[in-house]
Each structure stands twice: as C-alpha cells, then as structure tokens.
Amino acid sequence: MFEPFQDEFMRRAIAEMTLLAVAGGALGCWVVLYRLSYAAESLAHSIFPGLVLATLAGVPLLLGAGPAIAVAALAIVAISRVPGVSREVAVAVVVTTLFGAGVLLALSPDSPPGLQELLFGDILGPSDGDLIAAAALVLVVLTGLALFYPRLLAVAFDPDGARALGVRPGATEAVLVVLLAAAIVVAVQGLGNLLVVAVFVGPAAAARELTERAVPMMLAAVAIAVLGGLAGLYCSYFLGTAGGASVALAILAAYLLAVAAGRLRHVLGGSARPEAGATIS
C-alpha cells in the first residue's frame, strides 16, 4: 500500500495532487453553486494557445496562460456587444477559436515533440516551481473564500436579498471568476488542458449530492478530491495508465457513487433532492 511513497516522483505527484485537490474541492463548490461549470471549462480551453506558445518560447507556462485568459475575456466582451449575439454564443465562438488555434500549433509537424502533453498534463512530473505554485494557490483560494464567504453565501442563497444587504452579485461573481481563472492557470500544468476542469467540478458535484450546507459541502468536496486524486495516482502507478486521465476517471467514479448515495438518502428520508443552487446555508 505504501510502495508508491518510496519513489520520489510519486511523493511529489501526491503532494501536488493533494494541494490541487484542496484548492479545487473548496473553490469548486462555489463554481457548482453559481452554475459556472461551463465557464470553468471555457477558461481551461481558452488558455491552450498561450500554453503552446509558452512551451515553444521556453518560458514558464504561467507566462502564457495569464495573457491568454485576458485575451479570451476581452474577446468575449467585445463579441457579446455585437447586436443579436448572446454571451453564451460569444463564449462558444472565442473558446472554440482559441482552442482550435492551440491545437493547430501543438500538432504542427514543425512543433517539437511533447506539446501534446499540454492536453493531458504531467501530474507525475511536477517541478519545484509547480509545487510552490500549487501551495500558493491553496493559500490564495482559501484566504479568498474565507474573506468573501458571507458575500458568496448571500448571493448564492438569495441574490435579491443580497442586494438589499449591500452585496453586489456581479462583483461577488467576478471575484469568484478571478479565483477560478488563477486556479486553472496553476492546475492546468499538472492535469492538462482537457482534464483540469474535472478537479473543479467533479468533487463539488459529488459533494452536492450528499449535503445541502455550504461548509460540509466544501469539506466533503475536498475529501473526495483528495481521495480521487490518490486513487487515480495509485491506478497510474500500478496499472501503468496516464496520471491525469486516471485521476479524472477516479473523480468520475466518486461522483457516480455520490449520486447513488444521494438518491438513496433522499428516498430513505422521504424528501426530494433540491436542485443545484437551492437552499444553501
């Protein structure tokens, strides 16, 4: 059972995955409650060309991902102002365009080998910089959620009532999106462009099936994310499967189990399961 801990690369992978799980589980609950799952996936895909260009230039991925998110946000705002174009359409156009551009760059015959790893990550090979960035992410996310917890809760529970209390729903959601963008920029280095959204949506969606209270939901999501990450890394170690994909599948399995447990709980309790975003306290 403790054999993977004997290898340095596995100890580092477990450390990074645990840090990402803590940040992803806690932040993901608000992503689910605010119905920003599509936004999370969109942000992850929109930074792909920035990741590719950073790799080609030989600079840290963070230097490519940050400007890419800024470009995507500005493009979405600009397109959504076109008469007759909704925000959802603008997001779809920008994200698919940027992701397609990144794929063309990564799969070009002139590109060096290894760029395809940006799609699926390299959770088994974190650098010291990756670990430091993941630790910093946990600190930023937990601090941000603690500071804005009353506002986040008020807006999630009753947006109209929050306005009466002086809380601006738009500003609160903007803070959440900024935290999400920063988290994706850090986590994408380990989990990849296609799989990173799993850690921000899967554990939180599973926890939502088990509880309707915010704090227990965050604790459950963190626990599910950590256990899912460990299970995925163990499968990768003993079965020789891809690390990021194994983690994503383990989180999916946890979600399916949580759905079954949640249905059983509500059947035995004789109550209907509340919809996402309802009755959070």
Protein backbone atom coordinates (compact mmCIF):
# COMPACT_ATOMS: atom_id res chain seq x y z
CA MET A 1 0.00 0.00 0.00
CA PHE A 2 2.87 2.39 0.77
CA GLU A 3 5.05 1.28 -2.12
CA PRO A 4 4.34 4.41 -4.25
CA PHE A 5 5.67 6.61 -1.43
CA GLN A 6 9.09 5.01 -1.84
CA ASP A 7 9.58 6.73 -5.20
CA GLU A 8 10.46 10.41 -5.22
CA PHE A 9 8.39 11.18 -8.31
CA MET A 10 5.29 9.66 -6.72
CA ARG A 11 5.75 11.58 -3.48
CA ARG A 12 5.96 14.80 -5.46
CA ALA A 13 2.96 13.84 -7.60
CA ILE A 14 0.89 13.02 -4.50
CA ALA A 15 1.92 16.31 -2.89
CA GLU A 16 0.89 18.36 -5.93
CA MET A 17 -2.33 16.44 -6.44
CA THR A 18 -3.28 16.90 -2.80
CA LEU A 19 -2.69 20.65 -2.99
CA LEU A 20 -4.70 20.95 -6.21
CA ALA A 21 -7.45 18.82 -4.65
CA VAL A 22 -7.75 21.12 -1.64
CA ALA A 23 -7.99 24.22 -3.82
CA GLY A 24 -10.21 22.55 -6.44
CA GLY A 25 -12.59 20.99 -3.94
CA ALA A 26 -13.17 24.16 -1.93
CA LEU A 27 -13.41 26.51 -4.92
CA GLY A 28 -15.38 24.01 -7.00
CA CYS A 29 -18.32 24.12 -4.60
CA TRP A 30 -18.93 27.75 -5.46
CA VAL A 31 -18.37 27.02 -9.14
CA VAL A 32 -21.21 24.49 -8.94
CA LEU A 33 -23.48 26.65 -6.78
CA TYR A 34 -23.04 29.65 -9.08
CA ARG A 35 -23.51 27.42 -12.15
CA LEU A 36 -20.11 28.32 -13.58
CA SER A 37 -19.13 24.82 -14.72
CA TYR A 38 -19.27 25.86 -18.36
CA ALA A 39 -17.20 28.93 -17.54
CA ALA A 40 -14.58 26.71 -15.91
CA GLU A 41 -14.34 24.52 -18.98
CA SER A 42 -14.25 27.57 -21.24
CA LEU A 43 -11.42 29.20 -19.30
CA ALA A 44 -9.42 25.98 -19.39
CA HIS A 45 -9.75 25.60 -23.15
CA SER A 46 -9.16 29.27 -23.94
CA ILE A 47 -5.64 29.28 -22.45
CA PHE A 48 -4.40 26.42 -24.64
CA PRO A 49 -2.73 28.59 -27.33
CA GLY A 50 -0.97 30.53 -24.57
CA LEU A 51 0.36 27.28 -23.12
CA VAL A 52 1.62 26.18 -26.52
CA LEU A 53 3.34 29.50 -27.24
CA ALA A 54 4.96 29.48 -23.79
CA THR A 55 6.29 25.98 -24.41
CA LEU A 56 7.64 26.92 -27.84
CA ALA A 57 9.31 30.00 -26.35
CA GLY A 58 10.78 28.02 -23.48
CA VAL A 59 9.20 30.18 -20.76
CA PRO A 60 7.04 29.10 -17.77
CA LEU A 61 3.50 28.10 -18.68
CA LEU A 62 2.14 30.71 -16.29
CA LEU A 63 3.52 33.44 -18.57
CA GLY A 64 1.48 32.08 -21.47
CA ALA A 65 -1.70 31.17 -19.62
CA GLY A 66 -2.21 34.54 -17.94
CA PRO A 67 -2.25 36.67 -21.10
CA ALA A 68 -4.33 34.02 -22.89
CA ILE A 69 -7.11 34.29 -20.30
CA ALA A 70 -7.01 38.10 -20.59
CA VAL A 71 -7.29 37.91 -24.39
CA ALA A 72 -10.19 35.46 -24.13
CA ALA A 73 -12.05 37.67 -21.65
CA LEU A 74 -11.64 40.79 -23.81
CA ALA A 75 -12.71 38.90 -26.94
CA ILE A 76 -15.83 37.57 -25.21
CA VAL A 77 -16.79 41.06 -24.03
CA ALA A 78 -16.23 42.51 -27.50
CA ILE A 79 -18.22 39.85 -29.35
CA SER A 80 -21.07 39.84 -26.83
CA ARG A 81 -21.61 43.55 -27.57
CA VAL A 82 -22.49 42.76 -31.19
CA PRO A 83 -26.27 43.17 -31.61
CA GLY A 84 -28.04 39.84 -31.63
CA VAL A 85 -25.11 37.88 -30.17
CA SER A 86 -25.66 36.46 -26.69
CA ARG A 87 -22.92 35.98 -24.11
CA GLU A 88 -23.15 32.19 -24.45
CA VAL A 89 -22.60 32.43 -28.20
CA ALA A 90 -19.64 34.77 -27.66
CA VAL A 91 -18.07 32.33 -25.20
CA ALA A 92 -18.54 29.42 -27.60
CA VAL A 93 -17.03 31.31 -30.54
CA VAL A 94 -14.00 32.57 -28.62
CA VAL A 95 -13.25 29.31 -26.83
CA THR A 96 -13.52 27.08 -29.88
CA THR A 97 -11.43 29.52 -31.94
CA LEU A 98 -8.64 29.76 -29.36
CA PHE A 99 -8.62 26.06 -28.61
CA GLY A 100 -8.52 25.23 -32.31
CA ALA A 101 -5.61 27.63 -32.80
CA GLY A 102 -3.76 25.97 -29.94
CA VAL A 103 -4.33 22.51 -31.39
CA LEU A 104 -3.02 23.61 -34.80
CA LEU A 105 0.13 24.95 -33.15
CA ALA A 106 0.64 21.87 -30.98
CA LEU A 107 0.05 19.31 -33.73
CA SER A 108 2.00 21.08 -36.45
CA PRO A 109 4.76 18.90 -37.99
CA ASP A 110 7.25 21.68 -37.19
CA SER A 111 6.39 21.69 -33.48
CA PRO A 112 8.78 19.86 -31.13
CA PRO A 113 7.59 16.56 -29.60
CA GLY A 114 5.89 16.63 -26.23
CA LEU A 115 3.48 19.51 -26.82
CA GLN A 116 0.59 17.04 -26.80
CA GLU A 117 1.23 16.62 -23.06
CA LEU A 118 -0.33 20.06 -22.58
CA LEU A 119 -3.70 18.49 -23.36
CA PHE A 120 -3.42 15.80 -20.70
CA GLY A 121 -0.91 17.23 -18.24
CA ASP A 122 2.05 15.70 -16.46
CA ILE A 123 0.92 15.16 -12.89
CA LEU A 124 3.70 12.59 -12.39
CA GLY A 125 6.49 15.07 -13.09
CA PRO A 126 5.90 18.25 -11.06
CA SER A 127 8.82 20.63 -10.69
CA ASP A 128 9.70 22.60 -7.58
CA GLY A 129 8.03 25.59 -9.21
CA ASP A 130 4.85 23.60 -9.76
CA LEU A 131 4.70 22.60 -6.10
CA ILE A 132 5.32 26.15 -4.94
CA ALA A 133 2.63 27.45 -7.29
CA ALA A 134 0.16 24.82 -6.05
CA ALA A 135 0.88 25.70 -2.41
CA ALA A 136 0.43 29.40 -3.17
CA LEU A 137 -2.83 28.61 -4.94
CA VAL A 138 -4.19 26.85 -1.85
CA LEU A 139 -3.29 29.86 0.29
CA VAL A 140 -4.89 32.34 -2.12
CA VAL A 141 -8.06 30.28 -2.67
CA LEU A 142 -8.69 29.51 1.00
CA THR A 143 -7.97 33.10 2.02
CA GLY A 144 -10.22 34.47 -0.72
CA LEU A 145 -13.08 32.12 0.14
CA ALA A 146 -12.78 32.92 3.84
CA LEU A 147 -12.84 36.66 3.23
CA PHE A 148 -15.76 36.57 0.79
CA TYR A 149 -17.68 33.68 2.36
CA PRO A 150 -20.59 35.80 3.70
CA ARG A 151 -20.98 37.55 0.33
CA LEU A 152 -20.70 34.31 -1.64
CA LEU A 153 -23.29 32.67 0.59
CA ALA A 154 -25.67 35.62 0.44
CA VAL A 155 -25.59 35.78 -3.37
CA ALA A 156 -25.90 32.00 -3.77
CA PHE A 157 -28.84 31.83 -1.37
CA ASP A 158 -30.79 34.93 -2.39
CA PRO A 159 -29.35 37.38 -4.97
CA ASP A 160 -32.19 39.87 -4.49
CA GLY A 161 -31.85 39.78 -0.72
CA ALA A 162 -28.08 40.19 -1.08
CA ARG A 163 -28.61 43.47 -2.94
CA ALA A 164 -30.76 44.71 -0.09
CA LEU A 165 -27.86 43.97 2.26
CA GLY A 166 -25.47 45.98 0.11
CA VAL A 167 -23.81 42.99 -1.55
CA ARG A 168 -23.32 43.32 -5.31
CA PRO A 169 -23.89 39.94 -7.01
CA GLY A 170 -21.91 40.95 -10.11
CA ALA A 171 -18.84 41.96 -8.12
CA THR A 172 -19.04 38.83 -6.00
CA GLU A 173 -19.24 36.60 -9.06
CA ALA A 174 -16.33 38.50 -10.61
CA VAL A 175 -14.17 37.69 -7.57
CA LEU A 176 -15.14 34.04 -7.90
CA VAL A 177 -14.25 34.00 -11.61
CA VAL A 178 -10.86 35.60 -10.91
CA LEU A 179 -10.08 32.94 -8.31
CA LEU A 180 -11.21 30.27 -10.77
CA ALA A 181 -9.02 31.66 -13.54
CA ALA A 182 -5.98 31.74 -11.27
CA ALA A 183 -6.65 28.20 -10.10
CA ILE A 184 -6.99 26.88 -13.64
CA VAL A 185 -3.75 28.56 -14.72
CA VAL A 186 -1.89 26.74 -11.93
CA ALA A 187 -3.68 23.38 -12.10
CA VAL A 188 -3.51 23.03 -15.89
CA GLN A 189 0.23 22.39 -15.69
CA GLY A 190 -0.36 19.12 -13.86
CA LEU A 191 -3.75 17.96 -15.11
CA GLY A 192 -3.70 19.27 -18.66
CA ASN A 193 -5.99 21.45 -20.69
CA LEU A 194 -8.66 18.80 -21.23
CA LEU A 195 -8.76 17.28 -17.75
CA VAL A 196 -8.23 20.21 -15.39
CA VAL A 197 -11.94 21.01 -15.13
CA ALA A 198 -12.53 17.61 -13.50
CA VAL A 199 -11.00 18.67 -10.19
CA PHE A 200 -13.06 21.89 -10.08
CA VAL A 201 -16.44 20.36 -10.93
CA GLY A 202 -16.44 16.62 -10.19
CA PRO A 203 -15.75 16.61 -6.41
CA ALA A 204 -18.07 19.56 -5.79
CA ALA A 205 -20.87 17.99 -7.84
CA ALA A 206 -20.41 14.78 -5.85
CA ALA A 207 -20.49 16.66 -2.54
CA ARG A 208 -23.65 18.50 -3.67
CA GLU A 209 -25.37 15.11 -3.82
CA LEU A 210 -24.53 14.45 -0.18
CA THR A 211 -25.30 17.72 1.62
CA GLU A 212 -27.15 20.99 1.22
CA ARG A 213 -24.96 23.01 3.60
CA ALA A 214 -22.06 25.07 2.31
CA VAL A 215 -19.30 24.26 4.80
CA PRO A 216 -19.95 20.48 4.91
CA MET A 217 -20.16 20.58 1.12
CA MET A 218 -16.71 22.17 0.87
CA LEU A 219 -15.22 19.70 3.34
CA ALA A 220 -16.78 16.76 1.51
CA ALA A 221 -15.60 18.09 -1.86
CA VAL A 222 -12.02 18.44 -0.60
CA ALA A 223 -12.10 14.91 0.82
CA ILE A 224 -13.50 13.49 -2.43
CA ALA A 225 -10.93 15.37 -4.50
CA VAL A 226 -8.02 14.19 -2.33
CA LEU A 227 -9.20 10.57 -2.30
CA GLY A 228 -9.95 10.67 -6.02
CA GLY A 229 -6.50 12.08 -6.71
CA LEU A 230 -4.82 9.40 -4.61
CA ALA A 231 -6.89 6.65 -6.23
CA GLY A 232 -6.02 7.92 -9.70
CA LEU A 233 -2.31 8.12 -8.92
CA TYR A 234 -2.34 4.63 -7.42
CA CYS A 235 -4.03 3.29 -10.57
CA SER A 236 -1.45 5.06 -12.69
CA TYR A 237 1.40 3.62 -10.63
CA PHE A 238 0.25 0.00 -10.54
CA LEU A 239 -1.57 -0.23 -13.89
CA GLY A 240 0.69 2.00 -15.96
CA THR A 241 -2.14 4.30 -17.05
CA ALA A 242 -1.88 8.04 -17.70
CA GLY A 243 -1.83 10.01 -14.45
CA GLY A 244 -4.19 12.85 -15.30
CA ALA A 245 -6.71 10.59 -17.04
CA SER A 246 -6.66 8.17 -14.11
CA VAL A 247 -7.38 10.99 -11.67
CA ALA A 248 -10.27 12.25 -13.82
CA LEU A 249 -11.80 8.76 -14.03
CA ALA A 250 -11.43 8.26 -10.27
CA ILE A 251 -13.27 11.54 -9.65
CA LEU A 252 -15.99 10.45 -12.10
CA ALA A 253 -16.37 7.17 -10.20
CA ALA A 254 -16.68 9.12 -6.93
CA TYR A 255 -19.38 11.29 -8.48
CA LEU A 256 -21.40 8.27 -9.64
CA LEU A 257 -21.17 6.74 -6.17
CA ALA A 258 -22.25 10.04 -4.63
CA VAL A 259 -25.24 10.25 -6.98
CA ALA A 260 -26.34 6.76 -5.91
CA ALA A 261 -25.80 7.59 -2.23
CA GLY A 262 -27.65 10.88 -2.58
CA ARG A 263 -30.65 9.26 -4.24
CA LEU A 264 -30.75 6.59 -1.54
CA ARG A 265 -30.50 9.20 1.21
CA HIS A 266 -33.43 11.20 -0.14
CA VAL A 267 -35.53 8.10 -0.75
CA LEU A 268 -34.99 6.88 2.79
CA GLY A 269 -35.56 10.38 4.12
CA GLY A 270 -38.76 10.75 2.12
CA SER A 271 -37.76 14.07 0.59
CA ALA A 272 -36.98 15.25 -2.91
CA ARG A 273 -33.42 16.21 -3.72
CA PRO A 274 -33.03 20.00 -4.10
CA GLU A 275 -31.78 21.34 -7.38
CA ALA A 276 -28.26 22.76 -7.68
CA GLY A 277 -28.16 26.28 -6.29
CA ALA A 278 -31.15 25.78 -4.00
CA THR A 279 -31.27 26.06 -0.18
CA ILE A 280 -27.63 26.57 0.69
CA SER A 281 -26.93 27.59 4.27
